[in-house]
Every structure is written in C-alpha cells, then in structure tokens.
C-alpha cells in the first residue's frame, strides 16, 4: 500500500507492527523477526512519515524500561491492510479458477 508515492505498508511492515503490538517494544519486535534494531526503526519511521497520523508511540526508557505501542490509527491500518490483502487473494483465486475452467 502506498500513500503520496511512498510505501506505507507491506507484509514486512505489518508483521513488524503486529510484533510491536505483541511485545510492546520495537527492540523485542525486531529480535522476534530477526531484524536489526536499526532496520526495524527505519521501517517504523518510514511508516510514521508516510501515514496520515502516527502509528506508534514511544515511551522513554528508565527504571521500568521504555517501550513502543501502536496508536488506534496504527491498529486500524493493520486491520485495513489485512482486509485488503485477504480480499485481493480471494479475487486472484477466483480469477485463476475461471482460467483453469477453460
């Protein structure tokens, strides 16, 4: 998915957002997906720059530790991406089934 000629979301970025939602941390999310922290940070920064609203909120570390959480907007674009992705695959499956019938 693109917005203003910039990549907003793709499978990898959505996986990272979902991992942030699960772990509450960009660092932990990156580790769970075998990404460097720098790569994960760049991807999230790119999403935040391309999106209409912020998709994540960062809290500063300290004694209790920091973290990253998704905004409501961030959660909603994941749902939108998953819905569009599912519908696209269903459409493609239907089209392929029609071709195979010839």
N, C-alpha and C. Protein backbone atom coordinates (compact mmCIF):
# COMPACT_ATOMS: atom_id res chain seq x y z
N UNK A 1 0.85 -1.18 0.00
CA UNK A 1 0.00 0.00 0.00
C UNK A 1 0.89 1.24 0.00
N UNK A 2 0.51 2.20 -0.81
CA UNK A 2 1.26 3.45 -0.90
C UNK A 2 0.39 4.63 -0.53
N UNK A 3 1.04 5.69 -0.08
CA UNK A 3 0.36 6.95 0.21
C UNK A 3 1.29 8.07 -0.23
N UNK A 4 0.80 8.94 -1.08
CA UNK A 4 1.60 10.05 -1.61
C UNK A 4 2.92 9.57 -2.22
N UNK A 5 2.84 8.51 -3.01
CA UNK A 5 4.00 7.93 -3.70
C UNK A 5 5.09 7.40 -2.77
N UNK A 6 4.74 7.09 -1.54
CA UNK A 6 5.67 6.46 -0.60
C UNK A 6 5.04 5.17 -0.11
N UNK A 7 5.88 4.16 0.10
CA UNK A 7 5.37 2.90 0.62
C UNK A 7 4.90 3.13 2.05
N UNK A 8 3.66 2.80 2.30
CA UNK A 8 3.09 2.91 3.64
C UNK A 8 3.17 1.57 4.34
N UNK A 9 2.59 0.56 3.72
CA UNK A 9 2.54 -0.76 4.34
C UNK A 9 2.81 -1.85 3.33
N UNK A 10 3.38 -2.92 3.81
CA UNK A 10 3.58 -4.15 3.07
C UNK A 10 3.61 -5.27 4.10
N UNK A 11 3.78 -6.48 3.64
CA UNK A 11 3.78 -7.63 4.55
C UNK A 11 4.79 -7.46 5.69
N UNK A 12 6.00 -7.04 5.35
CA UNK A 12 7.05 -6.91 6.37
C UNK A 12 6.74 -5.85 7.40
N UNK A 13 6.26 -4.71 6.94
CA UNK A 13 5.94 -3.62 7.87
C UNK A 13 4.77 -3.98 8.77
N UNK A 14 3.79 -4.67 8.21
CA UNK A 14 2.65 -5.10 9.02
C UNK A 14 3.10 -6.14 10.04
N UNK A 15 3.97 -7.05 9.63
CA UNK A 15 4.49 -8.04 10.58
C UNK A 15 5.21 -7.35 11.73
N UNK A 16 5.98 -6.30 11.42
CA UNK A 16 6.69 -5.56 12.46
C UNK A 16 5.70 -4.85 13.38
N UNK A 17 4.68 -4.22 12.81
CA UNK A 17 3.67 -3.56 13.65
C UNK A 17 2.96 -4.56 14.56
N UNK A 18 2.64 -5.72 14.02
CA UNK A 18 1.99 -6.76 14.84
C UNK A 18 2.92 -7.24 15.95
N UNK A 19 4.20 -7.35 15.64
CA UNK A 19 5.17 -7.79 16.66
C UNK A 19 5.32 -6.73 17.75
N UNK A 20 5.27 -5.46 17.37
CA UNK A 20 5.31 -4.39 18.36
C UNK A 20 4.09 -4.49 19.27
N UNK A 21 2.93 -4.73 18.67
CA UNK A 21 1.70 -4.87 19.46
C UNK A 21 1.82 -6.03 20.45
N UNK A 22 2.44 -7.12 20.02
CA UNK A 22 2.58 -8.30 20.89
C UNK A 22 3.62 -8.10 21.98
N UNK A 23 4.73 -7.44 21.65
CA UNK A 23 5.85 -7.35 22.59
C UNK A 23 5.89 -6.04 23.37
N UNK A 24 5.28 -4.99 22.84
CA UNK A 24 5.34 -3.68 23.49
C UNK A 24 6.69 -3.00 23.37
N UNK A 25 7.49 -3.49 22.42
CA UNK A 25 8.85 -2.97 22.28
C UNK A 25 9.33 -3.11 20.84
N UNK A 26 9.92 -2.05 20.31
CA UNK A 26 10.50 -2.14 18.97
C UNK A 26 11.69 -3.08 18.97
N UNK A 27 12.50 -3.01 20.00
CA UNK A 27 13.67 -3.87 20.09
C UNK A 27 13.28 -5.36 20.13
N UNK A 28 12.31 -5.68 20.97
CA UNK A 28 11.86 -7.08 21.07
C UNK A 28 11.17 -7.52 19.78
N UNK A 29 10.41 -6.62 19.17
CA UNK A 29 9.74 -6.94 17.91
C UNK A 29 10.77 -7.24 16.83
N UNK A 30 11.79 -6.40 16.75
CA UNK A 30 12.85 -6.60 15.76
C UNK A 30 13.53 -7.95 15.98
N UNK A 31 13.85 -8.24 17.22
CA UNK A 31 14.52 -9.50 17.54
C UNK A 31 13.65 -10.69 17.16
N UNK A 32 12.35 -10.59 17.42
CA UNK A 32 11.44 -11.71 17.12
C UNK A 32 11.34 -11.97 15.62
N UNK A 33 11.60 -10.93 14.82
CA UNK A 33 11.52 -11.06 13.36
C UNK A 33 12.90 -11.19 12.71
N UNK A 34 13.93 -11.32 13.56
CA UNK A 34 15.31 -11.44 13.09
C UNK A 34 15.74 -10.25 12.25
N UNK A 35 15.34 -9.05 12.70
CA UNK A 35 15.75 -7.80 12.07
C UNK A 35 16.69 -7.07 13.01
N UNK A 36 17.57 -6.27 12.44
CA UNK A 36 18.37 -5.40 13.30
C UNK A 36 17.46 -4.30 13.84
N UNK A 37 17.83 -3.76 14.98
CA UNK A 37 17.05 -2.67 15.56
C UNK A 37 17.04 -1.49 14.58
N UNK A 38 18.18 -1.22 13.96
CA UNK A 38 18.29 -0.10 13.03
C UNK A 38 17.32 -0.26 11.86
N UNK A 39 17.25 -1.45 11.30
CA UNK A 39 16.34 -1.73 10.18
C UNK A 39 14.89 -1.55 10.63
N UNK A 40 14.55 -2.11 11.80
CA UNK A 40 13.18 -2.00 12.32
C UNK A 40 12.82 -0.54 12.58
N UNK A 41 13.75 0.21 13.17
CA UNK A 41 13.49 1.61 13.45
C UNK A 41 13.25 2.36 12.14
N UNK A 42 14.06 2.09 11.13
CA UNK A 42 13.90 2.75 9.83
C UNK A 42 12.53 2.43 9.22
N UNK A 43 12.10 1.18 9.31
CA UNK A 43 10.80 0.80 8.76
C UNK A 43 9.66 1.53 9.46
N UNK A 44 9.71 1.56 10.79
CA UNK A 44 8.65 2.23 11.55
C UNK A 44 8.67 3.73 11.31
N UNK A 45 9.86 4.30 11.24
CA UNK A 45 9.97 5.73 10.95
C UNK A 45 9.37 6.03 9.58
N UNK A 46 9.64 5.19 8.61
CA UNK A 46 9.10 5.36 7.27
C UNK A 46 7.58 5.28 7.27
N UNK A 47 7.02 4.34 8.00
CA UNK A 47 5.56 4.22 8.10
C UNK A 47 4.99 5.48 8.74
N UNK A 48 5.60 5.92 9.84
CA UNK A 48 5.10 7.11 10.53
C UNK A 48 5.20 8.36 9.64
N UNK A 49 6.24 8.44 8.82
CA UNK A 49 6.39 9.59 7.92
C UNK A 49 5.36 9.56 6.79
N UNK A 50 5.01 8.36 6.33
CA UNK A 50 4.08 8.22 5.20
C UNK A 50 2.62 8.25 5.61
N UNK A 51 2.33 7.88 6.84
CA UNK A 51 0.94 7.79 7.30
C UNK A 51 0.36 9.18 7.60
N UNK A 52 -0.95 9.24 7.58
CA UNK A 52 -1.64 10.50 7.88
C UNK A 52 -1.47 10.89 9.35
N UNK A 53 -1.36 9.88 10.20
CA UNK A 53 -1.21 10.09 11.65
C UNK A 53 -0.14 9.13 12.14
N UNK A 54 0.43 9.38 13.32
CA UNK A 54 1.41 8.44 13.88
C UNK A 54 0.79 7.06 14.10
N UNK A 55 1.58 6.02 13.83
CA UNK A 55 1.11 4.65 14.04
C UNK A 55 1.68 4.05 15.32
N UNK A 56 2.74 4.67 15.85
CA UNK A 56 3.34 4.18 17.09
C UNK A 56 3.58 5.34 18.04
N UNK A 57 3.68 4.99 19.31
CA UNK A 57 4.05 5.94 20.36
C UNK A 57 5.21 5.32 21.12
N UNK A 58 6.27 6.09 21.28
CA UNK A 58 7.44 5.61 22.02
C UNK A 58 7.45 6.22 23.41
N UNK A 59 7.79 5.40 24.39
CA UNK A 59 7.97 5.91 25.75
C UNK A 59 9.45 5.77 26.10
N UNK A 60 9.95 6.73 26.82
CA UNK A 60 11.36 6.77 27.17
C UNK A 60 11.67 5.69 28.20
N UNK A 61 12.85 5.11 28.06
CA UNK A 61 13.30 4.07 29.00
C UNK A 61 13.61 4.65 30.36
N UNK A 62 14.09 3.82 31.19
CA UNK A 62 14.40 4.23 32.56
C UNK A 62 14.33 3.00 33.43
N UNK A 63 14.04 3.20 34.68
CA UNK A 63 13.99 2.08 35.62
C UNK A 63 12.99 1.01 35.18
N UNK A 64 11.81 1.44 34.76
CA UNK A 64 10.79 0.50 34.30
C UNK A 64 10.95 0.10 32.84
N UNK A 65 11.86 0.76 32.16
CA UNK A 65 12.07 0.47 30.74
C UNK A 65 11.11 1.25 29.87
N UNK A 66 11.51 1.48 28.65
CA UNK A 66 10.67 2.19 27.69
C UNK A 66 9.84 1.19 26.90
N UNK A 67 9.30 1.65 25.84
CA UNK A 67 8.53 0.75 25.01
C UNK A 67 7.94 1.47 23.81
N UNK A 68 7.32 0.70 22.98
CA UNK A 68 6.64 1.21 21.80
C UNK A 68 5.27 0.56 21.75
N UNK A 69 4.27 1.37 21.55
CA UNK A 69 2.91 0.85 21.42
C UNK A 69 2.29 1.39 20.14
N UNK A 70 1.28 0.71 19.68
CA UNK A 70 0.55 1.16 18.50
C UNK A 70 -0.53 2.15 18.91
N UNK A 71 -0.72 3.14 18.07
CA UNK A 71 -1.85 4.05 18.26
C UNK A 71 -3.11 3.35 17.74
N UNK A 72 -4.26 3.93 18.04
CA UNK A 72 -5.51 3.38 17.48
C UNK A 72 -5.46 3.42 15.96
N UNK A 73 -4.87 4.48 15.42
CA UNK A 73 -4.72 4.59 13.96
C UNK A 73 -3.83 3.46 13.44
N UNK A 74 -2.74 3.19 14.15
CA UNK A 74 -1.84 2.10 13.76
C UNK A 74 -2.57 0.77 13.73
N UNK A 75 -3.39 0.53 14.74
CA UNK A 75 -4.18 -0.71 14.78
C UNK A 75 -5.17 -0.76 13.62
N UNK A 76 -5.77 0.38 13.31
CA UNK A 76 -6.78 0.39 12.24
C UNK A 76 -6.16 0.16 10.86
N UNK A 77 -4.93 0.64 10.63
CA UNK A 77 -4.34 0.40 9.31
C UNK A 77 -3.88 -1.05 9.15
N UNK A 78 -3.57 -1.71 10.26
CA UNK A 78 -3.27 -3.15 10.19
C UNK A 78 -4.52 -3.91 9.76
N UNK A 79 -5.64 -3.58 10.37
CA UNK A 79 -6.91 -4.23 10.02
C UNK A 79 -7.25 -3.97 8.56
N UNK A 80 -7.07 -2.72 8.12
CA UNK A 80 -7.36 -2.38 6.73
C UNK A 80 -6.46 -3.16 5.78
N UNK A 81 -5.17 -3.23 6.10
CA UNK A 81 -4.22 -3.97 5.26
C UNK A 81 -4.61 -5.44 5.19
N UNK A 82 -4.89 -6.04 6.33
CA UNK A 82 -5.26 -7.46 6.36
C UNK A 82 -6.53 -7.72 5.55
N UNK A 83 -7.50 -6.83 5.64
CA UNK A 83 -8.75 -6.98 4.89
C UNK A 83 -8.51 -6.87 3.39
N UNK A 84 -7.75 -5.86 2.99
CA UNK A 84 -7.44 -5.68 1.57
C UNK A 84 -6.65 -6.88 1.05
N UNK A 85 -5.67 -7.32 1.81
CA UNK A 85 -4.84 -8.46 1.41
C UNK A 85 -5.69 -9.72 1.23
N UNK A 86 -6.57 -9.97 2.18
CA UNK A 86 -7.46 -11.14 2.11
C UNK A 86 -8.36 -11.06 0.88
N UNK A 87 -8.94 -9.88 0.65
CA UNK A 87 -9.83 -9.70 -0.50
C UNK A 87 -9.09 -9.85 -1.82
N UNK A 88 -7.86 -9.35 -1.88
CA UNK A 88 -7.06 -9.49 -3.11
C UNK A 88 -6.78 -10.95 -3.41
N UNK A 89 -6.40 -11.71 -2.39
CA UNK A 89 -6.10 -13.14 -2.61
C UNK A 89 -7.35 -13.90 -3.03
N UNK A 90 -8.49 -13.57 -2.42
CA UNK A 90 -9.75 -14.23 -2.82
C UNK A 90 -10.08 -13.90 -4.27
N UNK A 91 -9.90 -12.64 -4.66
CA UNK A 91 -10.16 -12.23 -6.03
C UNK A 91 -9.24 -12.99 -6.99
N UNK A 92 -7.95 -13.04 -6.67
CA UNK A 92 -7.00 -13.76 -7.53
C UNK A 92 -7.33 -15.24 -7.63
N UNK A 93 -7.69 -15.85 -6.51
CA UNK A 93 -8.07 -17.27 -6.53
C UNK A 93 -9.26 -17.49 -7.44
N UNK A 94 -10.26 -16.60 -7.37
CA UNK A 94 -11.44 -16.72 -8.23
C UNK A 94 -11.08 -16.56 -9.69
N UNK A 95 -10.22 -15.59 -9.99
CA UNK A 95 -9.79 -15.37 -11.38
C UNK A 95 -9.02 -16.56 -11.91
N UNK A 96 -8.14 -17.12 -11.10
CA UNK A 96 -7.37 -18.29 -11.52
C UNK A 96 -8.28 -19.50 -11.73
N UNK A 97 -9.28 -19.65 -10.89
CA UNK A 97 -10.22 -20.76 -11.05
C UNK A 97 -10.98 -20.65 -12.37
N UNK A 98 -11.33 -19.44 -12.76
CA UNK A 98 -12.03 -19.25 -14.03
C UNK A 98 -11.13 -19.57 -15.21
N UNK A 99 -9.88 -19.22 -15.12
CA UNK A 99 -8.92 -19.54 -16.19
C UNK A 99 -8.73 -21.05 -16.31
N UNK A 100 -8.65 -21.70 -15.18
CA UNK A 100 -8.45 -23.15 -15.19
C UNK A 100 -9.65 -23.90 -15.77
N UNK A 101 -10.82 -23.27 -15.77
CA UNK A 101 -12.02 -23.90 -16.30
C UNK A 101 -12.02 -23.94 -17.84
N UNK A 102 -11.16 -23.15 -18.48
CA UNK A 102 -11.13 -23.12 -19.95
C UNK A 102 -10.49 -24.35 -20.51
